[in-house]
Structure formats: C-alpha cells, structure tokens
Amino acid sequence: MKKSLAILVLILLCSLFLIVLKYEKITTAKNITTRNEVVFWTLQMSDFSSYINNVIKEFETQNPDIKIKWIDVPFSEGEKRTLASILSDTPPDLINLNPDFSAILAQKGALYEIDKNSAEQFVPQIIDSLKYNGKLYSIPWYATSAVTIYNKDLFDKAELKVPETYTQMGLIAKQMKEKTNACIWLPNISENDTMLRILNKYGVNSAENINSSTSVKVFDFFKTLYRKNLIPKETITQTHREALEKYMSGNIAMFQAGANFLNMIKENAPSTYAHTDVAVQLTGDIGQYDFSLMNFIIPLKARHKKEALKFALFLTNEENQLELAKLTNTIAVNKAALKNDFYTKYNGSDLMAKARVISAAQLNKVQPAFTPQKNQKEINTLINSAVQEILLDKQKTPSVLDRVSKNWKLLNNDNRTRPKAASRTS
C-alpha cells in the first residue's frame, strides 16, 4: 500500500514538472515572438557590416526586449524607397538619410518629433542645423567638413601661400596661372547647392537678400575669375568628381573636399599625393565653415519610435562614434568623442590625421549653418541657372538676381507655383 502511494506521488510530481517545463517553454517562445523588432535602414553601409552587426549585437544584449532588423539600401535608391515606405502603413522604424531629404519629409509632416533633451550628447550647432521650424526631427550620425587639399609644388613654384578666404584666393589666382599654367581652383558652382553654401558664408541665404549688394559682389567675383580664365571654363558644368580629376592631373592647384578624398588621390595619383598638403576650408565675410551630415529619421507611422530613438542614440554614443570614425575617417558628432586624441592630435607625417583634426576643429565654427529650405531642389535650380547666365554674361547680375528673388518668393509662398528657370547651358 505504501509502495503504491509512493509510486502515485512520484507520477504526480513528474507530471507537474512536465507541465511547468512546458509552460516555461511556451512563455519563453511567446516573449521571443513579442520582442519589439526595430527595422533599421542604412544607405550603402554593407562594407562596414561587421561594425554594424557588432553594434546591433551589443545593443540587443543590453536591451533583450528589442530586436534590430538591419537592411542596407543602395544609395541611389534611398530617397525613392524611403518615400514609398513612408507612404505605406508599415515604414521602417529608423532610416539613415541626408538632411536635405529629411527636411522635405519634415515639411510634409511625415516625421516623428524628437525631444530636444535627447540630443544633449551632440554638438549643439549641428543640432540647430537640423531643426525645422524650431523642432527636431532627426538625429545626426556623422559629419564631414571639407578642407583645402593643395599641391605644395605648384604653390612653391608660384611663390604663394595657401589662401584661407575666397578673397585671398581671387587675389593670387592670376599669379598662379602665370607662373604654373594651372588654375587656382575649379569651384563647380552650378552643382547641387554649392553656390548657395558659398553665399551662406557671406550671410546671403534667403529670397529677401539673394539680390542684395553682397550677393551681387559674390556672383561678380566668380564672373571676373571666369572671364579672365583664372578658373576653368568647365566651372559652370563640371562636377566635384571632375574637379578631383583635374587636381590629380595637376591642372588645378587646390581642391576642397573631405579627408576621405586623400585616399583616392593617394591610390590614383601617387605623384600628386607626394606633393599634397591640407589647410583650412575657404571662408567668406562671416568666417564660418561649412559641413555636411548624414542623419537618422523616425517616420511618424513607425511602430517602435521610442525603441528606434534608443538605438539611434546608442549608435551615436562616444564609443560607437569613435569606432565608426576610425573605419571611415568621418567626423563624429558626439561632443565627448570629438575631445578624443583621434580628433585633436596628429604627427607631421600623417596627412589623413592632419585633415581629420582640421575638419573636427572647423565644427566649432559653423554658425550660421546652411540649412535646407522648402522646395530646396527648385531653389538650387534657380541659383545654378543664374550662375550660368551671369558667368556667361548673358544679362547683368542685378537683373538676374532680381528675377531669382521673385521666383524664390513664389516657391516659398505657393507650393503649386513652379517658376521656370533659365535653360542650363551645356
């Protein structure tokens, strides 16, 4: 009797154990399937997959309730695929974009507003440049700030010092051409927003002051250099990439670009690289420097906004910023990371490090920063068409800029109005 009772108790205990074990398995499986999955898009970052996967792994370890699903999108498809996803009901939770397109989405009310207190780890001037109507809709990821890459041999032959301002550049352009037969620079001023960024360095940044005396002075400055053949005729048609090729072939004495372009010069034109050095970016009357950004946005329809923001802030903390910078030679936007020796010290023989230190220092003086505006692409077209008209002397500068001002105001006042710009000259 006692033996039978003992066997019965043992059977009951085993059954209870199996029930508990099954319940735990069901609960664990349920927890796994209900983890918040943050869909994360980047733009052509597959070359750094090891870095990104390690960051994701570390984040998921620290946040077991969040899973990150990473998708890398080709750069050329970024805007198209982002727009299509945002128009749907299931967009990604976190998307890597450029500030220009991010601003367009913010203007359309398609983005989640980010609490300004979440941005305390970043350079304040950079955060200010990302705001739209005083509100923050994106988180910066990394920056670049162009330096002047120059040919020491050509400057030595011309017995000239490297200019630090556009005015200085204009004053030495003739001597450079006469003594070396090389142009001082190819400023590809009708590509994208190049001319607008130059104008911003003179305080010209709106429809109201695009036809000011200061603006006329800047346009006429380049017109004079162009007419006297002190900058290449291709200035009004060629791109930044083509300017790089002219620098590598010794046809221009200086080239403005991020530090990462030094590797291209070293690999493709080692003889030019041997005579290359770097200096600060050219400035205008105001004296501030220009910079470019890549950032993260969170769509308004995203399912996991808070989790996406948490991951974005983890990606951009001091440690992860420094690791990415060492892989890509970009500039961190995290304040603490910028104080690291990586951005403050270099030895004389390390040209890449010198450029990086100069670029990082320039981020301390970027106000007023160039900020994208409503209908930015159409504004770019207006300005770039004006550049071509003025440099080719088709019409007097004040008349061209008066028309630009009028059409710019139309773009600001009515989205349905699309003023026609003058035909681009090929």
Protein backbone atom coordinates (compact mmCIF):
# COMPACT_ATOMS: atom_id res chain seq x y z
CA MET A 1 0.00 0.00 0.00
CA LYS A 2 2.74 2.42 0.96
CA LYS A 3 4.71 1.41 -2.12
CA SER A 4 1.71 2.11 -4.40
CA LEU A 5 1.18 5.51 -2.75
CA ALA A 6 4.81 6.44 -3.24
CA ILE A 7 4.64 5.48 -6.90
CA LEU A 8 1.46 7.59 -7.32
CA VAL A 9 3.10 10.63 -5.68
CA LEU A 10 6.16 10.21 -7.92
CA ILE A 11 3.95 10.08 -11.01
CA LEU A 12 2.09 13.23 -9.91
CA LEU A 13 5.36 15.07 -9.25
CA CYS A 14 6.73 14.11 -12.67
CA SER A 15 3.51 15.22 -14.35
CA LEU A 16 3.62 18.55 -12.51
CA PHE A 17 7.27 19.02 -13.51
CA LEU A 18 6.45 18.37 -17.17
CA ILE A 19 3.54 20.82 -17.04
CA VAL A 20 5.74 23.56 -15.51
CA LEU A 21 8.50 22.88 -18.06
CA LYS A 22 6.04 23.09 -20.95
CA TYR A 23 4.59 26.33 -19.56
CA GLU A 24 8.06 27.89 -19.30
CA LYS A 25 8.83 26.92 -22.91
CA ILE A 26 5.56 28.43 -24.10
CA THR A 27 6.19 31.61 -22.10
CA THR A 28 9.78 31.90 -23.40
CA ALA A 29 8.63 31.39 -27.01
CA LYS A 30 5.89 33.95 -26.52
CA ASN A 31 8.36 36.50 -25.13
CA ILE A 32 10.69 35.94 -28.09
CA THR A 33 7.93 36.44 -30.64
CA THR A 34 6.67 39.58 -28.89
CA ARG A 35 10.06 41.33 -28.75
CA ASN A 36 9.89 44.79 -30.29
CA GLU A 37 11.53 44.46 -33.70
CA VAL A 38 13.07 47.74 -34.89
CA VAL A 39 13.52 47.81 -38.66
CA PHE A 40 16.68 49.79 -39.38
CA TRP A 41 17.71 51.05 -42.85
CA THR A 42 21.16 52.35 -43.81
CA LEU A 43 22.49 53.75 -47.09
CA GLN A 44 25.20 51.61 -48.68
CA MET A 45 26.96 50.63 -45.46
CA SER A 46 27.49 46.95 -46.30
CA ASP A 47 31.28 47.45 -46.37
CA PHE A 48 31.01 48.09 -42.63
CA SER A 49 28.68 45.19 -41.87
CA SER A 50 30.99 43.75 -39.22
CA TYR A 51 30.90 47.03 -37.28
CA ILE A 52 27.13 47.47 -37.57
CA ASN A 53 26.39 43.84 -36.68
CA ASN A 54 28.59 44.14 -33.59
CA VAL A 55 26.79 47.31 -32.51
CA ILE A 56 23.44 45.59 -33.01
CA LYS A 57 24.58 42.55 -31.01
CA GLU A 58 25.77 44.74 -28.13
CA PHE A 59 22.54 46.75 -28.13
CA GLU A 60 20.37 43.63 -28.14
CA THR A 61 22.39 42.21 -25.25
CA GLN A 62 21.76 45.35 -23.23
CA ASN A 63 18.11 45.52 -24.36
CA PRO A 64 16.78 41.93 -24.55
CA ASP A 65 13.26 43.18 -25.24
CA ILE A 66 14.36 44.80 -28.52
CA LYS A 67 15.45 43.11 -31.74
CA ILE A 68 17.10 45.06 -34.58
CA LYS A 69 16.45 44.05 -38.19
CA TRP A 70 19.07 45.75 -40.36
CA ILE A 71 18.51 46.37 -44.09
CA ASP A 72 21.15 48.10 -46.22
CA VAL A 73 19.72 50.09 -49.15
CA PRO A 74 21.72 51.15 -52.25
CA PHE A 75 22.49 54.87 -52.05
CA SER A 76 20.81 55.60 -55.40
CA GLU A 77 17.53 54.07 -54.19
CA GLY A 78 17.47 55.63 -50.72
CA GLU A 79 15.09 58.52 -51.33
CA LYS A 80 12.74 56.57 -53.62
CA ARG A 81 12.40 53.60 -51.28
CA THR A 82 12.08 55.83 -48.21
CA LEU A 83 9.27 57.84 -49.79
CA ALA A 84 7.43 54.68 -50.84
CA SER A 85 7.77 53.18 -47.35
CA ILE A 86 6.61 56.33 -45.59
CA LEU A 87 3.51 56.47 -47.78
CA SER A 88 2.67 52.94 -46.65
CA ASP A 89 1.34 51.97 -43.22
CA THR A 90 4.45 49.95 -42.30
CA PRO A 91 7.59 52.08 -42.77
CA PRO A 92 10.95 51.18 -41.19
CA ASP A 93 11.44 52.47 -37.67
CA LEU A 94 14.82 54.12 -38.22
CA ILE A 95 16.20 55.36 -41.55
CA ASN A 96 19.62 56.76 -42.49
CA LEU A 97 19.17 59.77 -44.83
CA ASN A 98 20.77 63.05 -45.81
CA PRO A 99 19.42 66.23 -44.15
CA ASP A 100 18.06 67.68 -47.43
CA PHE A 101 15.58 64.85 -47.98
CA SER A 102 14.92 64.58 -44.25
CA ALA A 103 13.89 68.25 -44.27
CA ILE A 104 11.46 67.61 -47.13
CA LEU A 105 9.82 64.82 -45.14
CA ALA A 106 9.65 67.05 -42.05
CA GLN A 107 7.97 69.76 -44.11
CA LYS A 108 5.35 67.23 -45.19
CA GLY A 109 4.64 66.25 -41.57
CA ALA A 110 5.87 62.68 -42.13
CA LEU A 111 8.42 62.51 -39.30
CA TYR A 112 8.34 61.88 -35.56
CA GLU A 113 9.38 64.89 -33.48
CA ILE A 114 12.39 64.13 -31.27
CA ASP A 115 12.63 65.59 -27.77
CA LYS A 116 15.48 68.13 -27.76
CA ASN A 117 16.67 66.72 -24.42
CA SER A 118 17.54 63.50 -26.26
CA ALA A 119 20.14 65.38 -28.27
CA GLU A 120 22.37 66.57 -25.42
CA GLN A 121 25.26 64.29 -26.45
CA PHE A 122 25.67 66.08 -29.80
CA VAL A 123 27.41 69.28 -30.94
CA PRO A 124 24.75 71.99 -30.36
CA GLN A 125 25.47 73.82 -33.64
CA ILE A 126 24.83 70.62 -35.58
CA ILE A 127 21.54 70.02 -33.78
CA ASP A 128 20.48 73.60 -34.57
CA SER A 129 21.18 73.00 -38.26
CA LEU A 130 18.80 70.01 -38.27
CA LYS A 131 15.82 71.82 -36.78
CA TYR A 132 12.76 72.67 -38.87
CA ASN A 133 10.53 75.45 -37.54
CA GLY A 134 12.41 75.17 -34.24
CA LYS A 135 11.63 71.46 -33.86
CA LEU A 136 13.98 68.49 -34.14
CA TYR A 137 13.07 65.65 -36.50
CA SER A 138 16.40 63.88 -36.95
CA ILE A 139 19.48 62.66 -35.10
CA PRO A 140 22.93 63.25 -36.64
CA TRP A 141 25.10 60.20 -37.35
CA TYR A 142 28.38 61.55 -38.74
CA ALA A 143 29.73 64.67 -40.43
CA THR A 144 32.29 65.82 -42.96
CA SER A 145 33.80 69.29 -43.18
CA ALA A 146 35.84 69.97 -46.30
CA VAL A 147 39.46 71.03 -46.06
CA THR A 148 41.61 72.66 -48.73
CA ILE A 149 43.70 69.95 -50.37
CA TYR A 150 46.52 71.69 -52.24
CA ASN A 151 49.59 70.98 -54.38
CA LYS A 152 52.64 72.25 -52.47
CA ASP A 153 54.80 72.08 -55.59
CA LEU A 154 52.53 74.43 -57.57
CA PHE A 155 52.27 76.91 -54.69
CA ASP A 156 56.05 76.87 -54.26
CA LYS A 157 56.60 77.48 -57.98
CA ALA A 158 54.15 80.39 -57.90
CA GLU A 159 55.76 81.69 -54.67
CA LEU A 160 52.35 81.86 -53.00
CA LYS A 161 50.79 80.99 -49.68
CA VAL A 162 47.65 78.88 -49.49
CA PRO A 163 44.57 81.14 -49.22
CA GLU A 164 42.16 80.90 -46.31
CA THR A 165 39.37 83.06 -47.81
CA TYR A 166 37.71 83.41 -51.20
CA THR A 167 39.06 86.97 -51.41
CA GLN A 168 42.63 85.78 -50.89
CA MET A 169 42.10 83.07 -53.49
CA GLY A 170 40.95 85.66 -56.02
CA LEU A 171 43.98 87.87 -55.36
CA ILE A 172 46.51 85.13 -56.10
CA ALA A 173 44.68 83.40 -58.97
CA LYS A 174 46.46 85.43 -61.68
CA GLN A 175 49.95 84.78 -60.34
CA MET A 176 49.22 81.06 -60.04
CA LYS A 177 48.11 80.90 -63.67
CA GLU A 178 51.03 82.95 -64.98
CA LYS A 179 53.74 81.01 -63.14
CA THR A 180 52.41 77.45 -63.34
CA ASN A 181 49.78 77.46 -66.13
CA ALA A 182 47.46 75.82 -63.59
CA CYS A 183 44.19 77.35 -62.43
CA ILE A 184 43.93 78.04 -58.72
CA TRP A 185 40.66 76.08 -58.31
CA LEU A 186 37.62 74.60 -60.07
CA PRO A 187 34.66 75.61 -57.89
CA ASN A 188 31.92 73.53 -59.66
CA ILE A 189 29.46 76.24 -58.59
CA SER A 190 26.46 75.01 -60.57
CA GLU A 191 26.35 71.58 -58.95
CA ASN A 192 23.62 70.91 -56.37
CA ASP A 193 23.70 73.57 -53.60
CA THR A 194 27.37 74.56 -53.96
CA MET A 195 26.71 78.23 -54.75
CA LEU A 196 24.12 78.52 -52.01
CA ARG A 197 26.64 77.24 -49.48
CA ILE A 198 29.19 79.80 -50.68
CA LEU A 199 26.60 82.57 -50.44
CA ASN A 200 25.72 81.46 -46.91
CA LYS A 201 29.30 82.27 -45.92
CA TYR A 202 28.52 85.89 -46.83
CA GLY A 203 25.20 86.00 -44.98
CA VAL A 204 23.13 85.55 -48.16
CA ASN A 205 20.59 82.80 -47.51
CA SER A 206 17.06 83.89 -48.43
CA ALA A 207 14.79 85.17 -51.17
CA GLU A 208 14.94 88.57 -49.49
CA ASN A 209 18.72 89.01 -49.74
CA ILE A 210 19.66 86.96 -52.81
CA ASN A 211 19.59 90.22 -54.82
CA SER A 212 21.49 92.27 -52.22
CA SER A 213 24.68 94.18 -52.99
CA THR A 214 26.63 91.48 -51.11
CA SER A 215 25.16 88.76 -53.31
CA VAL A 216 25.93 90.75 -56.48
CA LYS A 217 29.53 91.13 -55.26
CA VAL A 218 29.91 87.35 -54.77
CA PHE A 219 28.48 86.46 -58.19
CA ASP A 220 30.56 89.12 -59.91
CA PHE A 221 33.66 87.89 -58.09
CA PHE A 222 33.34 84.50 -59.77
CA LYS A 223 32.32 86.13 -63.04
CA THR A 224 35.59 88.10 -63.11
CA LEU A 225 37.67 85.00 -62.43
CA TYR A 226 35.78 83.14 -65.14
CA ARG A 227 36.10 85.84 -67.81
CA LYS A 228 39.84 86.20 -67.15
CA ASN A 229 40.33 82.41 -67.46
CA LEU A 230 41.61 82.23 -63.88
CA ILE A 231 39.19 79.40 -63.12
CA PRO A 232 38.45 76.70 -65.75
CA LYS A 233 35.66 77.20 -68.26
CA GLU A 234 34.27 73.86 -67.06
CA THR A 235 33.41 75.57 -63.75
CA ILE A 236 29.80 76.00 -64.85
CA THR A 237 29.29 72.40 -65.99
CA GLN A 238 31.66 70.03 -64.25
CA THR A 239 31.16 68.16 -61.01
CA HIS A 240 33.14 67.70 -57.84
CA ARG A 241 34.42 64.37 -59.14
CA GLU A 242 35.74 66.01 -62.30
CA ALA A 243 37.41 68.70 -60.19
CA LEU A 244 39.19 65.92 -58.30
CA GLU A 245 40.48 64.52 -61.59
CA LYS A 246 41.84 67.93 -62.57
CA TYR A 247 43.61 68.20 -59.23
CA MET A 248 45.16 64.76 -59.60
CA SER A 249 46.41 65.65 -63.08
CA GLY A 250 47.96 68.93 -61.84
CA ASN A 251 45.60 71.22 -63.78
CA ILE A 252 44.32 72.97 -60.66
CA ALA A 253 46.32 73.88 -57.57
CA MET A 254 43.74 73.19 -54.89
CA PHE A 255 40.63 71.14 -54.28
CA GLN A 256 38.11 71.36 -51.42
CA ALA A 257 36.87 68.03 -50.07
CA GLY A 258 36.63 65.80 -47.04
CA ALA A 259 39.67 64.00 -45.67
CA ASN A 260 38.46 60.72 -47.20
CA PHE A 261 39.35 62.05 -50.69
CA LEU A 262 43.03 61.92 -49.76
CA ASN A 263 42.92 58.13 -50.09
CA MET A 264 41.57 58.46 -53.65
CA ILE A 265 44.42 60.81 -54.56
CA LYS A 266 46.98 58.52 -52.94
CA GLU A 267 45.70 55.47 -54.83
CA ASN A 268 45.03 57.08 -58.23
CA ALA A 269 47.71 59.81 -58.44
CA PRO A 270 50.61 58.92 -56.13
CA SER A 271 52.91 61.51 -57.74
CA THR A 272 50.39 64.28 -56.98
CA TYR A 273 49.83 62.92 -53.49
CA ALA A 274 53.56 63.20 -52.82
CA HIS A 275 53.22 66.99 -53.21
CA THR A 276 49.86 67.27 -51.41
CA ASP A 277 49.13 69.01 -48.13
CA VAL A 278 45.96 70.25 -46.41
CA ALA A 279 44.76 73.53 -44.91
CA VAL A 280 41.53 75.03 -43.59
CA GLN A 281 38.46 75.39 -45.78
CA LEU A 282 37.94 78.68 -47.66
CA THR A 283 35.66 81.13 -45.83
CA GLY A 284 33.67 84.23 -46.74
CA ASP A 285 32.98 87.51 -44.92
CA ILE A 286 31.36 85.85 -41.90
CA GLY A 287 34.25 83.46 -41.31
CA GLN A 288 32.29 80.28 -40.58
CA TYR A 289 32.98 76.87 -42.08
CA ASP A 290 30.65 74.60 -43.97
CA PHE A 291 29.90 70.96 -43.20
CA SER A 292 27.76 68.08 -44.41
CA LEU A 293 25.85 65.46 -42.44
CA MET A 294 24.21 62.10 -42.58
CA ASN A 295 21.40 61.59 -40.10
CA PHE A 296 18.65 59.29 -38.84
CA ILE A 297 14.91 59.92 -39.06
CA ILE A 298 11.97 58.12 -37.46
CA PRO A 299 8.78 58.05 -39.61
CA LEU A 300 5.61 59.27 -37.94
CA LYS A 301 3.94 55.93 -38.77
CA ALA A 302 6.80 53.85 -37.32
CA ARG A 303 5.61 51.17 -34.89
CA HIS A 304 8.53 51.37 -32.47
CA LYS A 305 9.50 55.03 -32.22
CA LYS A 306 10.92 55.01 -28.68
CA GLU A 307 12.95 51.87 -29.32
CA ALA A 308 14.24 53.32 -32.61
CA LEU A 309 15.37 56.50 -30.87
CA LYS A 310 17.06 54.47 -28.14
CA PHE A 311 19.01 52.52 -30.77
CA ALA A 312 19.93 55.71 -32.70
CA LEU A 313 21.37 57.23 -29.52
CA PHE A 314 23.30 54.01 -28.86
CA LEU A 315 24.73 54.08 -32.40
CA THR A 316 25.91 57.64 -31.82
CA ASN A 317 27.38 57.31 -28.33
CA GLU A 318 31.03 58.15 -27.76
CA GLU A 319 32.38 54.64 -28.15
CA ASN A 320 30.46 53.73 -31.30
CA GLN A 321 31.14 57.10 -32.93
CA LEU A 322 34.89 56.71 -32.47
CA GLU A 323 34.89 53.18 -33.81
CA LEU A 324 32.98 54.20 -36.95
CA ALA A 325 35.22 57.25 -37.46
CA LYS A 326 38.34 55.09 -37.40
CA LEU A 327 36.83 52.86 -40.07
CA THR A 328 35.53 55.62 -42.35
CA ASN A 329 37.59 58.72 -41.46
CA THR A 330 34.39 60.71 -40.99
CA ILE A 331 33.88 63.29 -38.23
CA ALA A 332 32.00 62.36 -35.06
CA VAL A 333 29.04 64.48 -33.97
CA ASN A 334 29.18 63.31 -30.35
CA LYS A 335 30.72 66.03 -28.14
CA ALA A 336 32.70 63.61 -25.98
CA ALA A 337 34.07 61.73 -29.00
CA LEU A 338 35.38 64.96 -30.52
CA LYS A 339 37.57 65.52 -27.43
CA ASN A 340 39.40 62.26 -28.07
CA ASP A 341 43.05 62.39 -29.23
CA PHE A 342 41.88 60.94 -32.54
CA TYR A 343 40.42 64.38 -33.35
CA THR A 344 42.89 66.62 -31.55
CA LYS A 345 46.38 65.26 -32.23
CA TYR A 346 48.45 64.10 -35.21
CA ASN A 347 52.08 63.67 -36.16
CA GLY A 348 53.50 65.70 -39.03
CA SER A 349 53.79 62.80 -41.46
CA ASP A 350 50.16 61.63 -41.19
CA LEU A 351 48.30 63.73 -43.75
CA MET A 352 44.98 61.97 -43.18
CA ALA A 353 45.15 62.65 -39.44
CA LYS A 354 46.04 66.30 -40.07
CA ALA A 355 42.99 66.71 -42.31
CA ARG A 356 40.79 64.99 -39.74
CA VAL A 357 41.97 67.30 -36.92
CA ILE A 358 41.39 70.40 -39.08
CA SER A 359 37.90 69.18 -40.06
CA ALA A 360 36.91 68.41 -36.47
CA ALA A 361 38.10 71.84 -35.29
CA GLN A 362 36.03 73.51 -38.00
CA LEU A 363 32.83 72.13 -36.43
CA ASN A 364 33.33 74.63 -33.61
CA LYS A 365 32.62 77.48 -36.02
CA VAL A 366 29.76 76.56 -38.35
CA GLN A 367 27.12 79.18 -37.49
CA PRO A 368 25.08 80.31 -39.26
CA ALA A 369 24.92 76.82 -40.75
CA PHE A 370 23.46 76.21 -44.19
CA THR A 371 20.01 74.68 -43.70
CA PRO A 372 17.77 73.19 -46.42
CA GLN A 373 14.58 75.11 -47.15
CA LYS A 374 11.19 74.28 -48.54
CA ASN A 375 11.45 73.40 -52.25
CA GLN A 376 15.24 73.21 -51.92
CA LYS A 377 15.78 71.42 -55.25
CA GLU A 378 13.85 74.09 -57.14
CA ILE A 379 15.83 76.81 -55.34
CA ASN A 380 19.06 75.06 -56.33
CA THR A 381 17.91 75.10 -59.96
CA LEU A 382 17.15 78.83 -59.80
CA ILE A 383 20.57 79.65 -58.37
CA ASN A 384 22.51 77.33 -60.67
CA SER A 385 20.79 78.71 -63.75
CA ALA A 386 21.60 82.21 -62.52
CA VAL A 387 25.27 81.23 -62.12
CA GLN A 388 25.45 80.17 -65.73
CA GLU A 389 23.71 83.28 -67.01
CA ILE A 390 25.95 85.60 -65.01
CA LEU A 391 29.26 83.89 -65.77
CA LEU A 392 28.41 83.76 -69.47
CA ASP A 393 27.46 87.47 -69.28
CA LYS A 394 24.03 86.94 -70.82
CA GLN A 395 22.46 89.57 -68.57
CA LYS A 396 23.57 91.99 -65.86
CA THR A 397 23.95 90.41 -62.45
CA PRO A 398 21.39 92.59 -60.57
CA SER A 399 18.70 91.82 -63.18
CA VAL A 400 19.29 88.08 -62.97
CA LEU A 401 19.22 88.11 -59.17
CA ASP A 402 16.06 90.25 -59.06
CA ARG A 403 14.32 87.55 -61.08
CA VAL A 404 15.74 84.83 -58.84
CA SER A 405 14.45 86.67 -55.77
CA LYS A 406 10.97 86.94 -57.24
CA ASN A 407 10.82 83.27 -58.23
CA TRP A 408 12.24 82.15 -54.90
CA LYS A 409 9.49 84.06 -53.10
CA LEU A 410 6.90 82.36 -55.30
CA LEU A 411 8.31 78.98 -54.29
CA ASN A 412 8.11 79.96 -50.62
CA ASN A 413 4.55 81.26 -50.85
CA ASP A 414 2.84 78.68 -53.03
CA ASN A 415 3.85 75.05 -53.45
CA ARG A 416 1.73 74.82 -56.56
CA THR A 417 3.72 77.52 -58.33
CA ARG A 418 6.79 76.30 -60.13
CA PRO A 419 8.62 79.26 -61.76
CA LYS A 420 10.61 78.43 -64.84
CA ALA A 421 14.35 78.91 -64.55
CA ALA A 422 16.53 79.80 -67.49
CA SER A 423 17.81 76.86 -69.53
CA ARG A 424 21.04 75.34 -68.28
CA THR A 425 23.97 75.76 -70.62
CA SER A 426 25.83 72.63 -71.60
